[in-house]
Amino acid sequence: MSSPEVRRGDTPAGADDKRINRERFIRELDLPAHCMLVSEAERRPYECDGLSAYRRLPWLVLLPETVPQIQRILRQCHDRGMPVVARGAGTGL
């Protein structure tokens, strides 16, 4: 499986303000490349929903296709103290 391109230095704070390396995190998730949106252009549509007054570019967008993938993502995020924002249709309702 090939990993998407990752920009260096783009890391969120995790538990105890440890910085998380996105490239390593992506490798450990072991998701198909088409399930991960990494580039700024790919992530930009997910920076807000229908309530566009508050915008924040997500660190990573994951589009899991199976229950085991969702479980793996949530487990990895929990273990690192990373927040997860689930997104519906993006309407803000």
Foldseek 3Di string as FASTA:
>chain_A
DDADDADPPLFAQAPVRDTDDPVVLRVQLPDPNVQKDADQVSQQVVQAFLPPPHGDRDRIGGRDDDPVSVVSVVVSRVVGRHDDDDDDPRNPD
